Amino acid sequence: MADLRVGNFSFGEGGGGFDKAGALAAGTGDRVSTARLTFSSPFPSSGNIQVLVSLNMLDLETGETVGGVRNIRVQTFVSGVDQKGFSLSVRTWGSSAVWGLHGHYLAVQ
C-alpha cells in the first residue's frame, strides 16, 4: 500500500517560504528561488519517495517581445527529498518576471 503526503505552497504575496524580496520579479537573466517544504508528518524512511508538483495559479510578467512573441518562462523542480520534506525551486530567465504562484504537491512512498 502506498503512503501519501499532500500539501500546498505559495510564492509571492504571503511568502510561503519563498523569496519575499522579489528576486524572481526583478532584473533579467537566470534567477532561482528555493524553499524547503516540510511534510505534515514524516515518512517512515527516506527511500523511494516520489514528489509530483502541480501549479494552479501563476502571476507572471512576460517582458519584452521576442520576434513578435511574448515568452512566459517559468520552471519548477524538486530536490533534496527525504522523509521530512523536500526543496522546491522556481526558476525564470530572460526578461520574464514571476510575481507569484500557488500549487500543490503529492508525495508517494
C-alpha atoms as a PDB file:
ATOM      1  CA  MET A   1       0.000   0.000   0.000  1.00  0.00           C
ATOM      2  CA  ALA A   2       1.358   3.435  -0.954  1.00  0.00           C
ATOM      3  CA  ASP A   3       1.994   6.005   1.774  1.00  0.00           C
ATOM      4  CA  LEU A   4       0.918   9.525   0.675  1.00  0.00           C
ATOM      5  CA  ARG A   5       1.507  13.127   1.775  1.00  0.00           C
ATOM      6  CA  VAL A   6      -0.239  16.103   0.172  1.00  0.00           C
ATOM      7  CA  GLY A   7       0.257  19.808   0.666  1.00  0.00           C
ATOM      8  CA  ASN A   8       0.297  23.219  -0.956  1.00  0.00           C
ATOM      9  CA  PHE A   9       2.740  26.071  -1.392  1.00  0.00           C
ATOM     10  CA  SER A  10       2.733  29.754  -2.298  1.00  0.00           C
ATOM     11  CA  PHE A  11       5.259  32.153  -3.738  1.00  0.00           C
ATOM     12  CA  GLY A  12       4.776  35.910  -3.773  1.00  0.00           C
ATOM     13  CA  GLU A  13       2.295  37.763  -1.576  1.00  0.00           C
ATOM     14  CA  GLY A  14       2.186  35.916   1.710  1.00  0.00           C
ATOM     15  CA  GLY A  15       5.569  34.341   1.038  1.00  0.00           C
ATOM     16  CA  GLY A  16       5.011  30.662   1.756  1.00  0.00           C
ATOM     17  CA  GLY A  17       8.723  30.262   2.454  1.00  0.00           C
ATOM     18  CA  PHE A  18       9.897  31.540  -0.903  1.00  0.00           C
ATOM     19  CA  ASP A  19      11.997  34.615  -1.577  1.00  0.00           C
ATOM     20  CA  LYS A  20       9.908  37.588  -0.439  1.00  0.00           C
ATOM     21  CA  ALA A  21      12.359  40.186  -1.775  1.00  0.00           C
ATOM     22  CA  GLY A  22      11.175  39.738  -5.360  1.00  0.00           C
ATOM     23  CA  ALA A  23      14.360  38.278  -6.862  1.00  0.00           C
ATOM     24  CA  LEU A  24      12.287  36.442  -9.479  1.00  0.00           C
ATOM     25  CA  ALA A  25      10.412  39.616 -10.409  1.00  0.00           C
ATOM     26  CA  ALA A  26      13.426  41.934 -10.663  1.00  0.00           C
ATOM     27  CA  GLY A  27      16.180  42.087 -13.236  1.00  0.00           C
ATOM     28  CA  THR A  28      16.879  39.832 -16.173  1.00  0.00           C
ATOM     29  CA  GLY A  29      18.772  36.639 -16.808  1.00  0.00           C
ATOM     30  CA  ASP A  30      18.624  33.376 -14.893  1.00  0.00           C
ATOM     31  CA  ARG A  31      17.002  33.683 -11.423  1.00  0.00           C
ATOM     32  CA  VAL A  32      16.089  30.907  -8.976  1.00  0.00           C
ATOM     33  CA  SER A  33      14.322  30.894  -5.613  1.00  0.00           C
ATOM     34  CA  THR A  34      14.298  27.739  -3.452  1.00  0.00           C
ATOM     35  CA  ALA A  35      12.294  26.866  -0.353  1.00  0.00           C
ATOM     36  CA  ARG A  36      12.309  23.829   1.905  1.00  0.00           C
ATOM     37  CA  LEU A  37       8.825  22.313   2.293  1.00  0.00           C
ATOM     38  CA  THR A  38       8.043  20.011   5.215  1.00  0.00           C
ATOM     39  CA  PHE A  39       5.553  17.136   5.078  1.00  0.00           C
ATOM     40  CA  SER A  40       2.672  17.198   7.585  1.00  0.00           C
ATOM     41  CA  SER A  41       4.180  14.027   9.071  1.00  0.00           C
ATOM     42  CA  PRO A  42       7.440  12.322   8.117  1.00  0.00           C
ATOM     43  CA  PHE A  43       7.607   9.169   6.041  1.00  0.00           C
ATOM     44  CA  PRO A  44       8.968   6.074   7.856  1.00  0.00           C
ATOM     45  CA  SER A  45      12.214   6.218   5.825  1.00  0.00           C
ATOM     46  CA  SER A  46      13.964   8.269   3.125  1.00  0.00           C
ATOM     47  CA  GLY A  47      13.905   5.555   0.473  1.00  0.00           C
ATOM     48  CA  ASN A  48      11.991   5.833  -2.823  1.00  0.00           C
ATOM     49  CA  ILE A  49       9.869   8.939  -2.180  1.00  0.00           C
ATOM     50  CA  GLN A  50       8.478  10.478  -5.377  1.00  0.00           C
ATOM     51  CA  VAL A  51       7.118  14.062  -5.431  1.00  0.00           C
ATOM     52  CA  LEU A  52       4.708  15.456  -8.031  1.00  0.00           C
ATOM     53  CA  VAL A  53       4.194  19.245  -8.173  1.00  0.00           C
ATOM     54  CA  SER A  54       1.277  21.000  -9.874  1.00  0.00           C
ATOM     55  CA  LEU A  55       0.709  24.723 -10.363  1.00  0.00           C
ATOM     56  CA  ASN A  56      -2.793  26.161 -10.136  1.00  0.00           C
ATOM     57  CA  MET A  57      -2.084  29.927 -10.230  1.00  0.00           C
ATOM     58  CA  LEU A  58       0.610  31.932 -11.988  1.00  0.00           C
ATOM     59  CA  ASP A  59       1.156  35.694 -11.798  1.00  0.00           C
ATOM     60  CA  LEU A  60       3.761  36.454 -14.465  1.00  0.00           C
ATOM     61  CA  GLU A  61       5.033  39.369 -16.498  1.00  0.00           C
ATOM     62  CA  THR A  62       6.283  38.400 -19.921  1.00  0.00           C
ATOM     63  CA  GLY A  63       8.891  41.083 -20.530  1.00  0.00           C
ATOM     64  CA  GLU A  64       9.879  42.255 -23.986  1.00  0.00           C
ATOM     65  CA  THR A  65       8.569  40.900 -27.227  1.00  0.00           C
ATOM     66  CA  VAL A  66      10.946  38.467 -28.951  1.00  0.00           C
ATOM     67  CA  GLY A  67      10.183  38.079 -32.640  1.00  0.00           C
ATOM     68  CA  GLY A  68       6.625  39.324 -32.068  1.00  0.00           C
ATOM     69  CA  VAL A  69       6.025  36.801 -29.271  1.00  0.00           C
ATOM     70  CA  ARG A  70       5.899  37.441 -25.523  1.00  0.00           C
ATOM     71  CA  ASN A  71       7.505  34.446 -23.829  1.00  0.00           C
ATOM     72  CA  ILE A  72       6.404  33.146 -20.431  1.00  0.00           C
ATOM     73  CA  ARG A  73       9.342  31.465 -18.735  1.00  0.00           C
ATOM     74  CA  VAL A  74       8.890  29.503 -15.500  1.00  0.00           C
ATOM     75  CA  GLN A  75      10.263  26.159 -14.364  1.00  0.00           C
ATOM     76  CA  THR A  76       9.810  24.247 -11.099  1.00  0.00           C
ATOM     77  CA  PHE A  77      11.953  21.399  -9.863  1.00  0.00           C
ATOM     78  CA  VAL A  78      12.233  19.229  -6.765  1.00  0.00           C
ATOM     79  CA  SER A  79      15.467  18.241  -4.998  1.00  0.00           C
ATOM     80  CA  GLY A  80      16.685  17.006  -1.636  1.00  0.00           C
ATOM     81  CA  VAL A  81      13.753  14.682  -0.969  1.00  0.00           C
ATOM     82  CA  ASP A  82      13.889  12.887   2.393  1.00  0.00           C
ATOM     83  CA  GLN A  83      11.378  11.537   4.892  1.00  0.00           C
ATOM     84  CA  LYS A  84      10.754  15.017   6.360  1.00  0.00           C
ATOM     85  CA  GLY A  85      10.268  17.038   3.168  1.00  0.00           C
ATOM     86  CA  PHE A  86      11.890  18.397   0.016  1.00  0.00           C
ATOM     87  CA  SER A  87      13.249  21.533  -1.628  1.00  0.00           C
ATOM     88  CA  LEU A  88      11.163  23.199  -4.313  1.00  0.00           C
ATOM     89  CA  SER A  89      12.844  25.627  -6.711  1.00  0.00           C
ATOM     90  CA  VAL A  90      11.192  28.129  -9.035  1.00  0.00           C
ATOM     91  CA  ARG A  91      13.246  29.440 -11.949  1.00  0.00           C
ATOM     92  CA  THR A  92      12.715  32.138 -14.538  1.00  0.00           C
ATOM     93  CA  TRP A  93      15.043  33.642 -17.148  1.00  0.00           C
ATOM     94  CA  GLY A  94      15.303  36.304 -19.810  1.00  0.00           C
ATOM     95  CA  SER A  95      13.111  39.297 -19.024  1.00  0.00           C
ATOM     96  CA  SER A  96      10.210  37.281 -17.565  1.00  0.00           C
ATOM     97  CA  ALA A  97       9.103  38.148 -14.026  1.00  0.00           C
ATOM     98  CA  VAL A  98       7.410  35.782 -11.567  1.00  0.00           C
ATOM     99  CA  TRP A  99       5.288  37.802  -9.137  1.00  0.00           C
ATOM    100  CA  GLY A 100       3.506  34.843  -7.587  1.00  0.00           C
ATOM    101  CA  LEU A 101       2.444  31.240  -7.962  1.00  0.00           C
ATOM    102  CA  HIS A 102       0.496  28.718  -5.971  1.00  0.00           C
ATOM    103  CA  GLY A 103       0.374  24.971  -6.251  1.00  0.00           C
ATOM    104  CA  HIS A 104       0.062  21.567  -4.664  1.00  0.00           C
ATOM    105  CA  TYR A 105       2.285  18.566  -4.173  1.00  0.00           C
ATOM    106  CA  LEU A 106       1.719  14.845  -3.811  1.00  0.00           C
ATOM    107  CA  ALA A 107       4.472  12.736  -2.272  1.00  0.00           C
ATOM    108  CA  VAL A 108       4.318   8.946  -2.522  1.00  0.00           C
ATOM    109  CA  GLN A 109       6.440   6.223  -0.954  1.00  0.00           C
END
